[in-house]
């Protein structure tokens, strides 16, 4: 199973979108500063995720999400497409 995930920086409220095979390990790497693009905004919390059978499916959805530039549009997409989540949209 492969996951598309959205994490949120707890202070700046920025979103980061990615895909992985292991959500817990990936979130841990983000919070350890092992990703250059997320390091300045530590700590991160998992907001939404959705599982896919193949990496190619997950990459396709990840690219789609990264193409949505507005926060409202991204939040609408996860709500309409049944992403699981830890926090309310908005």
C-alpha atoms as a PDB file:
ATOM      1  CA  UNK A   1       0.000   0.000   0.000  1.00  0.00           C
ATOM      2  CA  UNK A   2       1.231   3.478  -0.881  1.00  0.00           C
ATOM      3  CA  UNK A   3      -0.043   6.659   0.710  1.00  0.00           C
ATOM      4  CA  UNK A   4      -0.498  10.228  -0.410  1.00  0.00           C
ATOM      5  CA  UNK A   5      -0.269  12.448   2.632  1.00  0.00           C
ATOM      6  CA  UNK A   6      -0.590  16.068   3.646  1.00  0.00           C
ATOM      7  CA  UNK A   7       1.239  17.345   6.690  1.00  0.00           C
ATOM      8  CA  UNK A   8       0.858  20.739   8.326  1.00  0.00           C
ATOM      9  CA  UNK A   9       3.524  22.760  10.109  1.00  0.00           C
ATOM     10  CA  UNK A  10       2.154  23.418  13.572  1.00  0.00           C
ATOM     11  CA  UNK A  11       3.396  27.017  13.794  1.00  0.00           C
ATOM     12  CA  UNK A  12       3.313  28.393  10.230  1.00  0.00           C
ATOM     13  CA  UNK A  13       0.282  26.299   9.169  1.00  0.00           C
ATOM     14  CA  UNK A  14       2.009  25.476   5.854  1.00  0.00           C
ATOM     15  CA  UNK A  15       1.018  22.298   4.057  1.00  0.00           C
ATOM     16  CA  UNK A  16       3.394  19.789   2.511  1.00  0.00           C
ATOM     17  CA  UNK A  17       2.193  17.054   0.152  1.00  0.00           C
ATOM     18  CA  UNK A  18       4.024  13.789  -0.438  1.00  0.00           C
ATOM     19  CA  UNK A  19       3.693  10.066  -1.028  1.00  0.00           C
ATOM     20  CA  UNK A  20       5.253   7.138   0.800  1.00  0.00           C
ATOM     21  CA  UNK A  21       4.942   3.481   1.657  1.00  0.00           C
ATOM     22  CA  UNK A  22       5.358   4.091   5.421  1.00  0.00           C
ATOM     23  CA  UNK A  23       3.493   7.074   6.902  1.00  0.00           C
ATOM     24  CA  UNK A  24       4.971   6.868  10.413  1.00  0.00           C
ATOM     25  CA  UNK A  25       8.559   6.656   9.206  1.00  0.00           C
ATOM     26  CA  UNK A  26       8.064   9.470   6.698  1.00  0.00           C
ATOM     27  CA  UNK A  27       6.528  11.817   9.269  1.00  0.00           C
ATOM     28  CA  UNK A  28       9.392  11.019  11.614  1.00  0.00           C
ATOM     29  CA  UNK A  29      11.912  11.955   8.900  1.00  0.00           C
ATOM     30  CA  UNK A  30      10.128  15.266   8.314  1.00  0.00           C
ATOM     31  CA  UNK A  31      10.250  16.055  12.036  1.00  0.00           C
ATOM     32  CA  UNK A  32      13.911  15.042  12.338  1.00  0.00           C
ATOM     33  CA  UNK A  33      14.820  17.587   9.657  1.00  0.00           C
ATOM     34  CA  UNK A  34      15.813  14.952   7.106  1.00  0.00           C
ATOM     35  CA  UNK A  35      13.930  16.714   4.293  1.00  0.00           C
ATOM     36  CA  UNK A  36      15.404  20.030   3.121  1.00  0.00           C
ATOM     37  CA  UNK A  37      12.097  21.552   2.039  1.00  0.00           C
ATOM     38  CA  UNK A  38      10.333  20.852   5.345  1.00  0.00           C
ATOM     39  CA  UNK A  39      13.225  21.358   7.780  1.00  0.00           C
ATOM     40  CA  UNK A  40      12.633  25.110   8.361  1.00  0.00           C
ATOM     41  CA  UNK A  41       9.037  24.532   9.489  1.00  0.00           C
ATOM     42  CA  UNK A  42       9.425  21.708  12.048  1.00  0.00           C
ATOM     43  CA  UNK A  43       7.335  20.404  13.790  1.00  0.00           C
ATOM     44  CA  UNK A  44       4.854  18.794  11.384  1.00  0.00           C
ATOM     45  CA  UNK A  45       1.665  16.895  12.043  1.00  0.00           C
ATOM     46  CA  UNK A  46      -0.166  14.503   9.745  1.00  0.00           C
ATOM     47  CA  UNK A  47      -3.408  16.075   8.506  1.00  0.00           C
ATOM     48  CA  UNK A  48      -4.802  13.799   5.762  1.00  0.00           C
ATOM     49  CA  UNK A  49      -3.846  10.631   3.928  1.00  0.00           C
ATOM     50  CA  UNK A  50      -5.234   8.146   1.447  1.00  0.00           C
ATOM     51  CA  UNK A  51      -3.968   4.705   0.463  1.00  0.00           C
ATOM     52  CA  UNK A  52      -3.438   3.417  -3.085  1.00  0.00           C
ATOM     53  CA  UNK A  53      -2.552  -0.023  -4.422  1.00  0.00           C
ATOM     54  CA  UNK A  54       0.386   1.147  -6.561  1.00  0.00           C
ATOM     55  CA  UNK A  55       3.053   3.836  -6.335  1.00  0.00           C
ATOM     56  CA  UNK A  56       2.066   5.104  -9.787  1.00  0.00           C
ATOM     57  CA  UNK A  57      -1.482   5.801  -8.557  1.00  0.00           C
ATOM     58  CA  UNK A  58      -0.113   7.615  -5.503  1.00  0.00           C
ATOM     59  CA  UNK A  59       2.305   9.687  -7.596  1.00  0.00           C
ATOM     60  CA  UNK A  60      -0.528  10.678  -9.953  1.00  0.00           C
ATOM     61  CA  UNK A  61      -2.676  11.940  -7.046  1.00  0.00           C
ATOM     62  CA  UNK A  62       0.332  13.641  -5.395  1.00  0.00           C
ATOM     63  CA  UNK A  63       1.000  15.596  -8.606  1.00  0.00           C
ATOM     64  CA  UNK A  64      -2.673  16.558  -8.835  1.00  0.00           C
ATOM     65  CA  UNK A  65      -2.648  17.845  -5.242  1.00  0.00           C
ATOM     66  CA  UNK A  66       0.585  19.777  -5.775  1.00  0.00           C
ATOM     67  CA  UNK A  67      -1.087  21.469  -8.745  1.00  0.00           C
ATOM     68  CA  UNK A  68      -3.821  22.877  -6.508  1.00  0.00           C
ATOM     69  CA  UNK A  69      -2.338  26.163  -5.369  1.00  0.00           C
ATOM     70  CA  UNK A  70      -5.006  27.465  -3.014  1.00  0.00           C
ATOM     71  CA  UNK A  71      -5.542  26.063   0.469  1.00  0.00           C
ATOM     72  CA  UNK A  72      -9.334  26.105   0.057  1.00  0.00           C
ATOM     73  CA  UNK A  73      -9.083  24.071  -3.149  1.00  0.00           C
ATOM     74  CA  UNK A  74      -6.791  21.514  -1.532  1.00  0.00           C
ATOM     75  CA  UNK A  75      -9.071  21.140   1.490  1.00  0.00           C
ATOM     76  CA  UNK A  76     -12.095  20.724  -0.799  1.00  0.00           C
ATOM     77  CA  UNK A  77     -10.267  18.025  -2.784  1.00  0.00           C
ATOM     78  CA  UNK A  78      -9.444  15.935   0.304  1.00  0.00           C
ATOM     79  CA  UNK A  79     -13.010  16.266   1.587  1.00  0.00           C
ATOM     80  CA  UNK A  80     -14.623  15.286  -1.739  1.00  0.00           C
ATOM     81  CA  UNK A  81     -12.180  12.426  -2.373  1.00  0.00           C
ATOM     82  CA  UNK A  82     -12.558  10.708   1.005  1.00  0.00           C
ATOM     83  CA  UNK A  83      -9.100  11.222   2.481  1.00  0.00           C
ATOM     84  CA  UNK A  84      -8.721  10.055   6.073  1.00  0.00           C
ATOM     85  CA  UNK A  85      -7.720  12.783   8.464  1.00  0.00           C
ATOM     86  CA  UNK A  86      -6.572  13.889  11.866  1.00  0.00           C
ATOM     87  CA  UNK A  87      -8.005  17.372  11.696  1.00  0.00           C
ATOM     88  CA  UNK A  88     -11.017  19.239  10.468  1.00  0.00           C
ATOM     89  CA  UNK A  89     -10.930  20.859   7.047  1.00  0.00           C
ATOM     90  CA  UNK A  90     -10.430  24.575   7.299  1.00  0.00           C
END
